[in-house]
Amino acid sequence: MSSIVAGRFASIPEAEHAAQKLYARGFSVWDVSIMSVDPGGARPPGVLLAARAKGDRRDEVLDVLREGGASDCEAAKGKWEGGQWTDFNPAHAPALVDAAEGECWPIPGQGAAKGADGDARPAHAAPVAEEAVAEDSTGNEDPGSELEHYVDRQVASHN
């Protein structure tokens, strides 16, 4: 398995420009591949530039991709043969390197949120947020301390 870094571009010329920058930094034509991604998979449509890179060279590729305007930069392990990512599957969701960590919680009191696929998701954070914020004034001058006390109680109850 090869270590692969990729990014999505809006057009082929943008991807080719980024590829030229990688070649100027010593990457071989056997290490860089440009392919089209059609709509209908787990990835947005566009032009994907993928590069085989190890160690610190992965960060170098990411820098070039970002400077070139790539979005949805990802890190992957895959089969690389003849200058191509041969086991690339657009139906599999990418492991984005720029994705925010953790899970986004819905705003309390707004019910279920809609996922990317349009399905309703439960408002699982609403009860936590409602418990964490006192609805009646406690007379405390520091509103953040109520949340801090709640978190401390939760940590203590799970230890």
C-alpha atoms as a PDB file:
ATOM      1  CA  MET A   1       0.000   0.000   0.000  1.00  0.00           C
ATOM      2  CA  SER A   2       1.203   3.461  -0.866  1.00  0.00           C
ATOM      3  CA  SER A   3       0.660   6.664   1.077  1.00  0.00           C
ATOM      4  CA  ILE A   4      -1.440   8.973  -1.098  1.00  0.00           C
ATOM      5  CA  VAL A   5      -2.380  12.637  -0.703  1.00  0.00           C
ATOM      6  CA  ALA A   6      -5.098  14.114  -2.910  1.00  0.00           C
ATOM      7  CA  GLY A   7      -7.099  17.290  -3.393  1.00  0.00           C
ATOM      8  CA  ARG A   8     -10.110  18.286  -5.489  1.00  0.00           C
ATOM      9  CA  PHE A   9      -9.879  21.096  -8.024  1.00  0.00           C
ATOM     10  CA  ALA A  10     -12.627  22.829  -9.983  1.00  0.00           C
ATOM     11  CA  SER A  11     -10.873  22.422 -13.348  1.00  0.00           C
ATOM     12  CA  ILE A  12      -8.200  20.423 -15.143  1.00  0.00           C
ATOM     13  CA  PRO A  13      -5.966  23.503 -15.732  1.00  0.00           C
ATOM     14  CA  GLU A  14      -5.915  24.218 -11.969  1.00  0.00           C
ATOM     15  CA  ALA A  15      -4.924  20.608 -11.228  1.00  0.00           C
ATOM     16  CA  GLU A  16      -2.281  20.654 -13.984  1.00  0.00           C
ATOM     17  CA  HIS A  17      -0.810  23.865 -12.560  1.00  0.00           C
ATOM     18  CA  ALA A  18      -0.495  22.222  -9.122  1.00  0.00           C
ATOM     19  CA  ALA A  19       1.043  19.130 -10.762  1.00  0.00           C
ATOM     20  CA  GLN A  20       3.671  21.346 -12.437  1.00  0.00           C
ATOM     21  CA  LYS A  21       4.568  22.766  -9.020  1.00  0.00           C
ATOM     22  CA  LEU A  22       4.980  19.230  -7.662  1.00  0.00           C
ATOM     23  CA  TYR A  23       7.231  18.308 -10.609  1.00  0.00           C
ATOM     24  CA  ALA A  24       9.313  21.427  -9.898  1.00  0.00           C
ATOM     25  CA  ARG A  25       9.767  20.154  -6.325  1.00  0.00           C
ATOM     26  CA  GLY A  26      11.163  16.854  -7.522  1.00  0.00           C
ATOM     27  CA  PHE A  27       8.086  14.663  -7.820  1.00  0.00           C
ATOM     28  CA  SER A  28       8.078  12.320 -10.795  1.00  0.00           C
ATOM     29  CA  VAL A  29       5.300  11.986 -13.358  1.00  0.00           C
ATOM     30  CA  TRP A  30       4.999   8.468 -11.879  1.00  0.00           C
ATOM     31  CA  ASP A  31       4.107  10.024  -8.502  1.00  0.00           C
ATOM     32  CA  VAL A  32       1.329  12.400  -9.630  1.00  0.00           C
ATOM     33  CA  SER A  33      -2.025  11.531 -11.181  1.00  0.00           C
ATOM     34  CA  ILE A  34      -4.954  13.685 -12.311  1.00  0.00           C
ATOM     35  CA  MET A  35      -8.412  12.164 -12.713  1.00  0.00           C
ATOM     36  CA  SER A  36     -12.016  13.295 -13.083  1.00  0.00           C
ATOM     37  CA  VAL A  37     -14.580  12.523 -10.403  1.00  0.00           C
ATOM     38  CA  ASP A  38     -18.122  12.248 -11.712  1.00  0.00           C
ATOM     39  CA  PRO A  39     -21.211  13.170  -9.693  1.00  0.00           C
ATOM     40  CA  GLY A  40     -23.064  10.425  -7.894  1.00  0.00           C
ATOM     41  CA  GLY A  41     -20.353   9.076  -5.604  1.00  0.00           C
ATOM     42  CA  ALA A  42     -19.463   9.949  -2.017  1.00  0.00           C
ATOM     43  CA  ARG A  43     -17.209  12.738  -3.289  1.00  0.00           C
ATOM     44  CA  PRO A  44     -18.230  16.009  -4.896  1.00  0.00           C
ATOM     45  CA  PRO A  45     -17.597  16.128  -8.646  1.00  0.00           C
ATOM     46  CA  GLY A  46     -14.427  17.764  -9.884  1.00  0.00           C
ATOM     47  CA  VAL A  47     -10.842  17.022 -10.806  1.00  0.00           C
ATOM     48  CA  LEU A  48      -8.766  15.044  -8.325  1.00  0.00           C
ATOM     49  CA  LEU A  49      -4.993  15.401  -8.175  1.00  0.00           C
ATOM     50  CA  ALA A  50      -3.453  12.484  -6.283  1.00  0.00           C
ATOM     51  CA  ALA A  51       0.219  12.160  -5.376  1.00  0.00           C
ATOM     52  CA  ARG A  52       2.171   9.281  -3.893  1.00  0.00           C
ATOM     53  CA  ALA A  53       4.257  10.648  -1.018  1.00  0.00           C
ATOM     54  CA  LYS A  54       5.940   9.392   2.147  1.00  0.00           C
ATOM     55  CA  GLY A  55       6.825  11.109   5.417  1.00  0.00           C
ATOM     56  CA  ASP A  56       7.377  14.863   5.258  1.00  0.00           C
ATOM     57  CA  ARG A  57       6.689  14.836   1.527  1.00  0.00           C
ATOM     58  CA  ARG A  58       2.984  14.347   2.369  1.00  0.00           C
ATOM     59  CA  ASP A  59       2.948  17.761   4.064  1.00  0.00           C
ATOM     60  CA  GLU A  60       4.759  19.229   1.071  1.00  0.00           C
ATOM     61  CA  VAL A  61       2.084  17.856  -1.269  1.00  0.00           C
ATOM     62  CA  LEU A  62      -0.667  19.222   1.001  1.00  0.00           C
ATOM     63  CA  ASP A  63       0.967  22.662   0.952  1.00  0.00           C
ATOM     64  CA  VAL A  64       1.145  22.670  -2.857  1.00  0.00           C
ATOM     65  CA  LEU A  65      -2.465  21.476  -3.158  1.00  0.00           C
ATOM     66  CA  ARG A  66      -3.753  24.123  -0.744  1.00  0.00           C
ATOM     67  CA  GLU A  67      -1.720  26.888  -2.408  1.00  0.00           C
ATOM     68  CA  GLY A  68      -3.141  25.765  -5.750  1.00  0.00           C
ATOM     69  CA  GLY A  69      -6.710  26.109  -4.491  1.00  0.00           C
ATOM     70  CA  ALA A  70      -7.550  22.466  -3.802  1.00  0.00           C
ATOM     71  CA  SER A  71     -10.462  21.654  -1.563  1.00  0.00           C
ATOM     72  CA  ASP A  72     -11.305  18.401   0.229  1.00  0.00           C
ATOM     73  CA  CYS A  73      -7.648  17.474   0.745  1.00  0.00           C
ATOM     74  CA  GLU A  74      -7.343  13.885   1.879  1.00  0.00           C
ATOM     75  CA  ALA A  75      -4.820  11.317   3.020  1.00  0.00           C
ATOM     76  CA  ALA A  76      -5.255   7.717   1.930  1.00  0.00           C
ATOM     77  CA  LYS A  77      -3.556   4.372   1.619  1.00  0.00           C
ATOM     78  CA  GLY A  78      -3.969   2.713  -1.718  1.00  0.00           C
ATOM     79  CA  LYS A  79      -2.549   0.730  -4.573  1.00  0.00           C
ATOM     80  CA  TRP A  80      -0.342   2.872  -6.829  1.00  0.00           C
ATOM     81  CA  GLU A  81       0.792   1.361 -10.123  1.00  0.00           C
ATOM     82  CA  GLY A  82       2.109   2.918 -13.308  1.00  0.00           C
ATOM     83  CA  GLY A  83       1.616   6.454 -12.018  1.00  0.00           C
ATOM     84  CA  GLN A  84      -2.044   5.867 -11.135  1.00  0.00           C
ATOM     85  CA  TRP A  85      -4.079   5.325  -7.972  1.00  0.00           C
ATOM     86  CA  THR A  86      -5.447   2.027  -9.238  1.00  0.00           C
ATOM     87  CA  ASP A  87      -7.831   1.137  -6.406  1.00  0.00           C
ATOM     88  CA  PHE A  88      -9.403   4.614  -6.190  1.00  0.00           C
ATOM     89  CA  ASN A  89     -13.141   4.316  -5.572  1.00  0.00           C
ATOM     90  CA  PRO A  90     -15.264   7.491  -5.821  1.00  0.00           C
ATOM     91  CA  ALA A  91     -18.062   5.723  -3.908  1.00  0.00           C
ATOM     92  CA  HIS A  92     -15.950   5.692  -0.719  1.00  0.00           C
ATOM     93  CA  ALA A  93     -15.947   8.874   1.351  1.00  0.00           C
ATOM     94  CA  PRO A  94     -12.496  10.486   1.606  1.00  0.00           C
ATOM     95  CA  ALA A  95     -10.558  10.808   4.879  1.00  0.00           C
ATOM     96  CA  LEU A  96     -10.254  14.595   4.828  1.00  0.00           C
ATOM     97  CA  VAL A  97      -7.207  16.100   6.506  1.00  0.00           C
ATOM     98  CA  ASP A  98      -8.810  19.533   6.884  1.00  0.00           C
ATOM     99  CA  ALA A  99     -12.044  18.271   8.424  1.00  0.00           C
ATOM    100  CA  ALA A 100     -13.034  19.616  11.798  1.00  0.00           C
ATOM    101  CA  GLU A 101     -12.510  17.064  14.525  1.00  0.00           C
ATOM    102  CA  GLY A 102     -15.347  15.842  16.677  1.00  0.00           C
ATOM    103  CA  GLU A 103     -19.024  15.961  16.035  1.00  0.00           C
ATOM    104  CA  CYS A 104     -21.073  19.069  15.397  1.00  0.00           C
ATOM    105  CA  TRP A 105     -23.972  19.302  17.798  1.00  0.00           C
ATOM    106  CA  PRO A 106     -27.301  20.804  16.829  1.00  0.00           C
ATOM    107  CA  ILE A 107     -28.538  23.941  18.538  1.00  0.00           C
ATOM    108  CA  PRO A 108     -30.714  23.054  21.559  1.00  0.00           C
ATOM    109  CA  GLY A 109     -34.426  23.450  21.052  1.00  0.00           C
ATOM    110  CA  GLN A 110     -34.272  23.291  17.259  1.00  0.00           C
ATOM    111  CA  GLY A 111     -35.239  19.634  16.972  1.00  0.00           C
ATOM    112  CA  ALA A 112     -33.650  17.166  14.647  1.00  0.00           C
ATOM    113  CA  ALA A 113     -31.083  18.391  12.170  1.00  0.00           C
ATOM    114  CA  LYS A 114     -30.883  17.269   8.568  1.00  0.00           C
ATOM    115  CA  GLY A 115     -27.864  15.265   7.464  1.00  0.00           C
ATOM    116  CA  ALA A 116     -26.106  15.655   4.120  1.00  0.00           C
ATOM    117  CA  ASP A 117     -28.351  12.922   2.695  1.00  0.00           C
ATOM    118  CA  GLY A 118     -31.519  14.719   3.852  1.00  0.00           C
ATOM    119  CA  ASP A 119     -32.329  12.202   6.597  1.00  0.00           C
ATOM    120  CA  ALA A 120     -33.268  13.543  10.000  1.00  0.00           C
ATOM    121  CA  ARG A 121     -30.695  13.157  12.768  1.00  0.00           C
ATOM    122  CA  PRO A 122     -31.721  13.128  16.426  1.00  0.00           C
ATOM    123  CA  ALA A 123     -31.003  16.253  18.411  1.00  0.00           C
ATOM    124  CA  HIS A 124     -28.788  14.217  20.730  1.00  0.00           C
ATOM    125  CA  ALA A 125     -26.999  17.226  22.170  1.00  0.00           C
ATOM    126  CA  ALA A 126     -30.084  19.166  23.145  1.00  0.00           C
ATOM    127  CA  PRO A 127     -30.594  17.396  26.498  1.00  0.00           C
ATOM    128  CA  VAL A 128     -26.920  17.865  27.385  1.00  0.00           C
ATOM    129  CA  ALA A 129     -26.988  21.542  26.523  1.00  0.00           C
ATOM    130  CA  GLU A 130     -30.264  22.101  28.359  1.00  0.00           C
ATOM    131  CA  GLU A 131     -28.842  20.466  31.501  1.00  0.00           C
ATOM    132  CA  ALA A 132     -25.601  22.394  31.202  1.00  0.00           C
ATOM    133  CA  VAL A 133     -27.184  25.831  31.114  1.00  0.00           C
ATOM    134  CA  ALA A 134     -29.313  26.943  34.042  1.00  0.00           C
ATOM    135  CA  GLU A 135     -32.596  28.414  32.898  1.00  0.00           C
ATOM    136  CA  ASP A 136     -33.202  30.184  36.201  1.00  0.00           C
ATOM    137  CA  SER A 137     -30.682  32.666  37.452  1.00  0.00           C
ATOM    138  CA  THR A 138     -28.534  31.300  40.259  1.00  0.00           C
ATOM    139  CA  GLY A 139     -27.217  34.732  41.149  1.00  0.00           C
ATOM    140  CA  ASN A 140     -23.810  33.724  39.903  1.00  0.00           C
ATOM    141  CA  GLU A 141     -22.036  36.624  38.228  1.00  0.00           C
ATOM    142  CA  ASP A 142     -20.012  34.270  35.986  1.00  0.00           C
ATOM    143  CA  PRO A 143     -22.378  32.534  33.530  1.00  0.00           C
ATOM    144  CA  GLY A 144     -19.583  30.264  32.275  1.00  0.00           C
ATOM    145  CA  SER A 145     -19.066  28.741  35.702  1.00  0.00           C
ATOM    146  CA  GLU A 146     -22.409  26.886  35.524  1.00  0.00           C
ATOM    147  CA  LEU A 147     -21.200  25.103  32.434  1.00  0.00           C
ATOM    148  CA  GLU A 148     -17.857  24.457  34.102  1.00  0.00           C
ATOM    149  CA  HIS A 149     -19.588  22.928  37.156  1.00  0.00           C
ATOM    150  CA  TYR A 150     -21.751  20.762  34.905  1.00  0.00           C
ATOM    151  CA  VAL A 151     -18.704  19.480  33.023  1.00  0.00           C
ATOM    152  CA  ASP A 152     -16.894  18.785  36.304  1.00  0.00           C
ATOM    153  CA  ARG A 153     -19.900  16.744  37.545  1.00  0.00           C
ATOM    154  CA  GLN A 154     -20.023  14.788  34.275  1.00  0.00           C
ATOM    155  CA  VAL A 155     -16.303  14.020  34.403  1.00  0.00           C
ATOM    156  CA  ALA A 156     -16.559  12.924  38.046  1.00  0.00           C
ATOM    157  CA  SER A 157     -19.537  10.671  37.319  1.00  0.00           C
ATOM    158  CA  HIS A 158     -17.670   8.908  34.496  1.00  0.00           C
ATOM    159  CA  ASN A 159     -14.450   8.298  36.444  1.00  0.00           C
END
